[in-house]
Amino acid sequence: MRVGFGLGDVVTPEYLKYAAQFGVTDIRVGRGAIPARNGRWELQDLVKLRQSVEQFGLTLTAIENVPTAFYDHVMLGGPKRDEQIENMIATVRNMARAGIPIFGYNWMPSNVWRTPSQYIRAGTEVTAFDYAVAHESPLTHDREYTEEEMWEYMEYWIKAITPVAEEEGIRLGIHPCDPPVESLGGIPQLLRSFDAYKRLTEIVESPSNAIEFCQGTFSEMADAANGGIYDMIRYFGERKKILYVHFRNVSNPVPKFHEEFINTGHVDMFKAMQIYNEVGFDGFFMDDHVPHTHGDTEWGHRGRAFANGYIQALIEAVQKQAVR
């Protein structure tokens, strides 16, 4: 088990140096770190990005999310679906050939939803969500979509991309819908439950059809309550479906929650880390959505340092405990 940093859409020498100084080994970057060229990412840009990370003794292990415009017709069954799939195939091949082993993406045409922020311990600002407020939002796209057709579109995609990923030796993982509620803006939040993820991984049984395991979003799911989150970690961990982990905490599951410090939410993070260790998870953990404290930067240097240190301490604690 290793420690990673999520650098988002901006990858600078300063951020990479910061990550290296705090003992990180793995880097995950966001979609804005690579130029979009005709609906795809090109090999030379991906190689350049990987090399810039390696200059600091770090490994570019994953890229998370392509621009929504790369595959919105894929998610919603639009007229350009097959054209976009061909471009996505090219992107996946280029990532693999650039030496980047994991592609994390999502199935959220409208991206992540939040309602106004809240304030927790001593005025710390955190993101929040209230389904009673968000449920009143207007349609985000041309019409209301059904659950059945969204599953049809996803299955079409998984069956098209998984053989390519297997051939190229790259693993693909889908982030859960955040927040994991039934529908928002007329779009079903398809991946919102334990059963939904079981269904996803069974579309094509392959190591390349896996999960970008945002533990924060999984812990927002209704069936994460009463210890359900630990069952999810164990089930997918035993089946080697977890590629990497967004290791964050929230106050409670939907319909209303706010984010928390890594050690103050409803999930026992020590217990979670024990399960990852027991099932032989060999990927990385990264901070995510850190609370904004007094004097911190917009990027969250202080919040990330706190979360990173906590993650490293938990890994050391459970590994030493396991060998007693």
Protein backbone atom coordinates (compact mmCIF):
# COMPACT_ATOMS: atom_id res chain seq x y z
CA MET A 1 0.00 0.00 0.00
CA ARG A 2 1.38 3.34 -1.06
CA VAL A 3 0.70 7.06 -0.65
CA GLY A 4 -0.31 9.30 -3.54
CA PHE A 5 -1.22 12.89 -4.20
CA GLY A 6 -3.97 14.11 -6.49
CA LEU A 7 -2.63 17.15 -8.31
CA GLY A 8 -5.80 18.02 -10.18
CA ASP A 9 -5.61 19.99 -13.39
CA VAL A 10 -2.44 21.93 -12.59
CA VAL A 11 0.88 20.10 -12.49
CA THR A 12 3.76 22.41 -11.62
CA PRO A 13 7.32 21.81 -10.39
CA GLU A 14 6.28 23.41 -7.09
CA TYR A 15 3.43 20.94 -6.52
CA LEU A 16 5.56 17.97 -7.54
CA LYS A 17 8.37 19.03 -5.22
CA TYR A 18 5.84 19.43 -2.41
CA ALA A 19 4.52 15.92 -3.02
CA ALA A 20 8.01 14.44 -3.04
CA GLN A 21 8.94 16.23 0.17
CA PHE A 22 5.95 14.70 1.97
CA GLY A 23 6.93 11.16 1.04
CA VAL A 24 4.48 10.55 -1.78
CA THR A 25 5.31 7.90 -4.37
CA ASP A 26 2.34 8.03 -6.77
CA ILE A 27 0.77 10.95 -8.62
CA ARG A 28 -2.72 11.19 -10.06
CA VAL A 29 -3.45 14.14 -12.31
CA GLY A 30 -6.70 15.54 -13.66
CA ARG A 31 -8.01 16.12 -17.14
CA GLY A 32 -6.83 19.71 -17.39
CA ALA A 33 -3.18 18.67 -17.21
CA ILE A 34 -3.21 17.39 -20.82
CA PRO A 35 -4.12 19.36 -23.95
CA ALA A 36 -7.29 18.23 -25.70
CA ARG A 37 -6.64 17.73 -29.41
CA ASN A 38 -9.61 16.85 -31.63
CA GLY A 39 -11.45 14.97 -28.91
CA ARG A 40 -8.53 12.88 -27.69
CA TRP A 41 -5.19 12.93 -25.87
CA GLU A 42 -2.10 12.47 -27.98
CA LEU A 43 0.89 10.29 -27.16
CA GLN A 44 3.52 13.04 -27.14
CA ASP A 45 1.59 15.12 -24.59
CA LEU A 46 1.14 12.12 -22.29
CA VAL A 47 4.82 11.17 -22.47
CA LYS A 48 5.83 14.75 -21.70
CA LEU A 49 3.54 14.78 -18.66
CA ARG A 50 4.91 11.48 -17.36
CA GLN A 51 8.48 12.64 -17.75
CA SER A 52 7.77 15.87 -15.88
CA VAL A 53 6.49 13.85 -12.93
CA GLU A 54 9.42 11.42 -13.00
CA GLN A 55 11.92 14.28 -12.72
CA PHE A 56 10.96 14.46 -9.04
CA GLY A 57 11.35 10.74 -8.38
CA LEU A 58 7.60 10.22 -8.55
CA THR A 59 5.43 7.88 -10.62
CA LEU A 60 2.52 9.06 -12.74
CA THR A 61 0.24 6.15 -11.93
CA ALA A 62 -3.16 7.48 -12.97
CA ILE A 63 -5.00 10.13 -14.91
CA GLU A 64 -8.50 10.84 -13.73
CA ASN A 65 -11.28 12.04 -16.02
CA VAL A 66 -11.17 13.18 -19.61
CA PRO A 67 -13.10 16.29 -20.60
CA THR A 68 -16.83 15.54 -20.56
CA ALA A 69 -16.99 16.64 -24.19
CA PHE A 70 -14.80 13.65 -25.10
CA TYR A 71 -17.58 11.17 -24.28
CA ASP A 72 -20.86 12.90 -23.45
CA HIS A 73 -22.54 11.18 -26.43
CA VAL A 74 -21.21 7.86 -25.13
CA MET A 75 -22.82 8.39 -21.72
CA LEU A 76 -26.10 9.67 -23.16
CA GLY A 77 -26.44 7.64 -26.36
CA GLY A 78 -25.99 10.62 -28.67
CA PRO A 79 -25.45 10.57 -32.44
CA LYS A 80 -21.66 10.92 -32.09
CA ARG A 81 -21.34 7.94 -29.74
CA ASP A 82 -19.30 5.68 -32.01
CA GLU A 83 -17.08 8.53 -33.17
CA GLN A 84 -16.35 9.43 -29.55
CA ILE A 85 -15.68 5.81 -28.67
CA GLU A 86 -13.06 5.62 -31.42
CA ASN A 87 -11.39 8.73 -30.01
CA MET A 88 -11.55 7.30 -26.50
CA ILE A 89 -9.97 4.09 -27.76
CA ALA A 90 -7.15 6.18 -29.21
CA THR A 91 -6.74 8.00 -25.89
CA VAL A 92 -6.61 4.74 -23.92
CA ARG A 93 -4.05 3.27 -26.32
CA ASN A 94 -1.94 6.43 -26.08
CA MET A 95 -2.05 6.37 -22.28
CA ALA A 96 -0.91 2.76 -22.20
CA ARG A 97 1.89 3.38 -24.70
CA ALA A 98 2.99 6.45 -22.72
CA GLY A 99 3.52 4.20 -19.69
CA ILE A 100 0.56 5.41 -17.60
CA PRO A 101 -1.12 2.27 -16.21
CA ILE A 102 -4.47 3.53 -14.84
CA PHE A 103 -7.27 5.58 -16.37
CA GLY A 104 -9.91 6.73 -13.89
CA TYR A 105 -13.12 8.24 -15.24
CA ASN A 106 -16.73 8.81 -14.25
CA TRP A 107 -20.27 8.32 -15.53
CA MET A 108 -21.62 11.75 -14.55
CA PRO A 109 -22.67 13.84 -17.55
CA SER A 110 -23.39 16.73 -15.18
CA ASN A 111 -20.27 16.23 -13.04
CA VAL A 112 -20.20 16.41 -9.21
CA TRP A 113 -23.05 18.17 -7.41
CA ARG A 114 -22.86 20.14 -4.18
CA THR A 115 -25.15 22.59 -2.38
CA PRO A 116 -23.77 25.54 -0.33
CA SER A 117 -20.75 24.87 1.89
CA GLN A 118 -21.00 24.29 5.62
CA TYR A 119 -18.70 25.08 8.53
CA ILE A 120 -17.48 22.48 10.98
CA ARG A 121 -14.86 22.52 13.78
CA ALA A 122 -13.70 26.06 14.61
CA GLY A 123 -15.10 27.49 11.38
CA THR A 124 -13.48 25.06 8.95
CA GLU A 125 -15.19 25.27 5.56
CA VAL A 126 -16.28 22.02 3.90
CA THR A 127 -18.41 21.06 0.92
CA ALA A 128 -21.93 19.77 1.56
CA PHE A 129 -24.95 18.29 -0.17
CA ASP A 130 -28.68 18.37 0.55
CA TYR A 131 -30.85 16.32 -1.80
CA ALA A 132 -33.96 18.25 -0.78
CA VAL A 133 -32.36 21.38 -2.28
CA ALA A 134 -30.64 19.82 -5.30
CA HIS A 135 -33.66 17.71 -6.29
CA GLU A 136 -35.49 20.89 -7.30
CA SER A 137 -32.88 21.77 -9.95
CA PRO A 138 -33.97 22.02 -13.60
CA LEU A 139 -32.94 19.58 -16.32
CA THR A 140 -29.26 19.75 -17.17
CA HIS A 141 -29.68 18.22 -20.63
CA ASP A 142 -32.26 18.02 -23.37
CA ARG A 143 -34.66 15.69 -21.55
CA GLU A 144 -35.09 13.28 -18.67
CA TYR A 145 -33.18 10.01 -19.08
CA THR A 146 -34.22 6.62 -17.73
CA GLU A 147 -32.16 4.23 -15.67
CA GLU A 148 -32.60 1.45 -18.23
CA GLU A 149 -31.23 3.42 -21.15
CA MET A 150 -28.28 4.71 -19.10
CA TRP A 151 -27.33 1.14 -18.26
CA GLU A 152 -27.64 0.23 -21.93
CA TYR A 153 -25.24 3.04 -22.87
CA MET A 154 -22.76 2.01 -20.19
CA GLU A 155 -22.81 -1.65 -21.21
CA TYR A 156 -22.21 -0.68 -24.84
CA TRP A 157 -19.15 1.32 -23.76
CA ILE A 158 -17.73 -1.30 -21.37
CA LYS A 159 -18.00 -4.00 -24.01
CA ALA A 160 -16.25 -1.80 -26.56
CA ILE A 161 -13.39 -0.45 -24.42
CA THR A 162 -12.49 -3.40 -22.17
CA PRO A 163 -10.91 -5.61 -24.89
CA VAL A 164 -8.79 -2.63 -25.99
CA ALA A 165 -7.64 -2.00 -22.42
CA GLU A 166 -6.77 -5.69 -21.99
CA GLU A 167 -4.80 -5.68 -25.24
CA GLU A 168 -2.83 -2.60 -24.18
CA GLY A 169 -2.30 -3.68 -20.57
CA ILE A 170 -4.04 -0.69 -18.99
CA ARG A 171 -6.70 -0.77 -16.28
CA LEU A 172 -9.84 1.41 -16.32
CA GLY A 173 -11.85 2.36 -13.27
CA ILE A 174 -15.11 4.29 -12.86
CA HIS A 175 -15.64 6.79 -10.05
CA PRO A 176 -19.02 6.51 -8.28
CA CYS A 177 -21.70 9.11 -8.93
CA ASP A 178 -21.24 11.93 -6.45
CA PRO A 179 -23.59 12.41 -4.74
CA PRO A 180 -25.01 8.86 -4.91
CA VAL A 181 -28.70 9.74 -5.13
CA GLU A 182 -31.35 8.50 -7.54
CA SER A 183 -31.33 11.31 -10.10
CA LEU A 184 -30.18 14.93 -10.54
CA GLY A 185 -31.16 17.32 -13.30
CA GLY A 186 -32.97 14.52 -15.13
CA ILE A 187 -29.90 12.25 -15.21
CA PRO A 188 -29.92 9.00 -13.19
CA GLN A 189 -26.94 8.74 -10.85
CA LEU A 190 -26.28 5.23 -12.08
CA LEU A 191 -23.38 4.17 -9.88
CA ARG A 192 -24.89 4.96 -6.49
CA SER A 193 -24.95 1.63 -4.64
CA PHE A 194 -23.12 -1.57 -3.81
CA ASP A 195 -25.37 -3.54 -6.18
CA ALA A 196 -24.79 -1.07 -9.02
CA TYR A 197 -21.04 -1.63 -8.77
CA LYS A 198 -21.47 -5.38 -8.70
CA ARG A 199 -23.48 -5.05 -11.90
CA LEU A 200 -20.81 -2.84 -13.48
CA THR A 201 -17.96 -5.24 -12.77
CA GLU A 202 -19.99 -8.16 -14.13
CA ILE A 203 -20.67 -6.54 -17.54
CA VAL A 204 -17.28 -7.84 -18.67
CA GLU A 205 -15.25 -9.90 -16.22
CA SER A 206 -11.77 -8.47 -16.66
CA PRO A 207 -8.99 -6.91 -14.58
CA SER A 208 -9.34 -3.94 -16.93
CA ASN A 209 -12.96 -3.32 -15.90
CA ALA A 210 -12.42 -2.03 -12.39
CA ILE A 211 -13.13 0.76 -9.90
CA GLU A 212 -11.69 4.15 -9.10
CA PHE A 213 -12.60 3.66 -5.46
CA CYS A 214 -13.58 7.05 -4.08
CA GLN A 215 -14.15 5.87 -0.53
CA GLY A 216 -15.68 9.25 0.25
CA THR A 217 -18.45 8.77 -2.30
CA PHE A 218 -18.92 5.10 -1.40
CA SER A 219 -19.37 6.22 2.22
CA GLU A 220 -22.06 8.68 1.05
CA MET A 221 -24.12 5.79 -0.35
CA ALA A 222 -27.27 4.81 1.52
CA ASP A 223 -26.04 1.23 1.87
CA ALA A 224 -22.75 2.38 3.44
CA ALA A 225 -24.62 2.94 6.71
CA ASN A 226 -24.34 0.50 9.64
CA GLY A 227 -20.96 -0.80 8.52
CA GLY A 228 -21.90 -1.34 4.90
CA ILE A 229 -18.84 0.60 3.72
CA TYR A 230 -16.56 -2.08 5.17
CA ASP A 231 -18.41 -4.80 3.25
CA MET A 232 -17.87 -2.84 0.03
CA ILE A 233 -14.14 -2.45 0.65
CA ARG A 234 -13.74 -6.14 1.44
CA TYR A 235 -15.87 -7.38 -1.48
CA PHE A 236 -14.14 -5.35 -4.19
CA GLY A 237 -10.72 -5.59 -2.53
CA GLU A 238 -10.84 -9.39 -2.47
CA ARG A 239 -11.70 -9.36 -6.18
CA LYS A 240 -8.82 -6.97 -7.01
CA LYS A 241 -11.21 -4.40 -8.47
CA ILE A 242 -9.89 -1.39 -6.50
CA LEU A 243 -7.31 0.51 -8.54
CA TYR A 244 -6.64 3.39 -6.14
CA VAL A 245 -8.47 5.06 -3.27
CA HIS A 246 -9.74 8.56 -2.58
CA PHE A 247 -9.33 8.26 1.18
CA ARG A 248 -11.71 10.83 2.64
CA ASN A 249 -14.54 10.93 5.14
CA VAL A 250 -18.06 12.38 5.35
CA SER A 251 -20.54 13.04 8.13
CA ASN A 252 -23.10 10.40 7.08
CA PRO A 253 -24.73 8.87 3.99
CA VAL A 254 -27.27 10.58 1.72
CA PRO A 255 -29.71 12.32 1.50
CA LYS A 256 -27.84 15.06 3.37
CA PHE A 257 -24.16 15.13 4.30
CA HIS A 258 -21.10 17.30 4.58
CA GLU A 259 -17.45 16.47 4.24
CA GLU A 260 -15.29 16.03 7.31
CA PHE A 261 -11.69 15.86 8.35
CA ILE A 262 -10.24 12.51 7.41
CA ASN A 263 -10.54 11.23 11.01
CA THR A 264 -13.88 12.74 12.12
CA GLY A 265 -16.54 11.34 9.75
CA HIS A 266 -18.82 8.34 10.15
CA VAL A 267 -16.27 5.87 8.76
CA ASP A 268 -13.67 4.35 11.08
CA MET A 269 -10.65 4.95 8.87
CA PHE A 270 -8.39 2.68 10.91
CA LYS A 271 -10.83 -0.19 10.42
CA ALA A 272 -11.07 0.61 6.71
CA MET A 273 -7.29 0.59 6.37
CA GLN A 274 -7.11 -2.76 8.18
CA ILE A 275 -9.45 -4.26 5.58
CA TYR A 276 -7.41 -2.91 2.66
CA ASN A 277 -4.37 -4.54 4.23
CA GLU A 278 -6.16 -7.84 4.90
CA VAL A 279 -7.34 -8.20 1.29
CA GLY A 280 -3.87 -7.46 -0.10
CA PHE A 281 -4.62 -4.11 -1.72
CA ASP A 282 -1.45 -2.99 -3.51
CA GLY A 283 -2.45 0.42 -4.88
CA PHE A 284 -2.22 3.94 -3.52
CA PHE A 285 -4.29 6.15 -1.25
CA MET A 286 -4.70 9.87 -1.91
CA ASP A 287 -6.22 12.84 -0.14
CA ASP A 288 -9.39 14.30 -1.62
CA HIS A 289 -11.67 17.31 -0.98
CA VAL A 290 -9.68 18.41 2.06
CA PRO A 291 -11.40 20.85 4.46
CA HIS A 292 -10.33 24.48 4.11
CA THR A 293 -8.75 25.74 7.32
CA HIS A 294 -7.55 29.18 8.42
CA GLY A 295 -4.67 30.52 6.35
CA ASP A 296 -4.60 27.63 3.91
CA THR A 297 -4.03 28.10 0.18
CA GLU A 298 -6.72 27.57 -2.43
CA TRP A 299 -5.01 24.31 -3.39
CA GLY A 300 -5.05 23.19 0.25
CA HIS A 301 -1.39 22.72 1.22
CA ARG A 302 -2.18 22.45 4.94
CA GLY A 303 -5.22 20.24 4.51
CA ARG A 304 -3.38 17.92 2.15
CA ALA A 305 -0.39 17.67 4.48
CA PHE A 306 -2.69 16.71 7.37
CA ALA A 307 -4.51 14.06 5.32
CA ASN A 308 -1.28 12.72 3.84
CA GLY A 309 0.35 12.36 7.24
CA TYR A 310 -2.72 10.59 8.60
CA ILE A 311 -2.75 8.16 5.66
CA GLN A 312 0.94 7.36 6.10
CA ALA A 313 0.46 6.78 9.83
CA LEU A 314 -2.50 4.44 9.26
CA ILE A 315 -0.60 2.39 6.69
CA GLU A 316 2.35 2.02 9.05
CA ALA A 317 0.09 1.16 12.00
CA VAL A 318 -1.92 -1.59 10.28
CA GLN A 319 1.13 -3.13 8.63
CA LYS A 320 3.06 -3.30 11.89
CA GLN A 321 0.01 -4.63 13.70
CA ALA A 322 -0.41 -7.37 11.08
CA VAL A 323 3.08 -8.81 11.62
CA ARG A 324 2.85 -9.08 15.42
